[in-house]
């Protein structure tokens, strides 16, 4: 077991210690099959009682939900709205015309406009986060390219995965039903569980276990990981 550079292998939550074991893979491409990737890189490492966590990005990529930047033609509204989104070192979010355009397509123009309008008002009073609370998980899960993104996804927009709970259930069966599975959206600013075979309390605990983003934010090529209670 070896942690990614700059990350801790172990963490403690509620008096229990957990290992977060990153699993390195080759670069996952749209033509790849997720079940085959999990079988090849994770099945032999997962033990009964473990939890396999899968990044939402490779789920979405294998569902055909990645788009090259040159395939996306942003409308004027996307150009306008993207100017007012705060970018961070950890992800562009909707702060570029192409990702905003995909948010308009995914969530619908009325919902994005409502989110933008409410956010503009509440930001003036020092409140943040209302845009994504209103726009919803589909908008939050859109992943744009950064300088640390592995090629070819440094020139692509990846949407959130479809039916992540169903994906988690299918992968649990693939692994023999003895380990839980979660599809996660984790970065250095925090995380969400998009779908899992856990109950709500288990999902909240998993967010805390993965709170420091043990898979890393850049070129680690570890889109899968195992949580194991020690």
Foldseek 3Di string as FASTA:
>chain_A
DDFDPPFDQWDDDPRFIKGKFFWFDPDAALCDDPLVRCVVTPLVPDDFPKEKEFEQQNQQRPVVQKFFLVVADFDPVLQVLLCPDDQDLQFSQSNHSRLSRVLCVVQNPVQQVVLSVVQVVVVVVVDDDSSDVRSDDQSRQWGQADPQADPPRNRMIGTGHPPQQVVQVVSCVSSVVRYKYWHKHQIQVFIATPHIPDDPVVRVRVRVRCGRPRCYRGDSNGRMIMMDTD
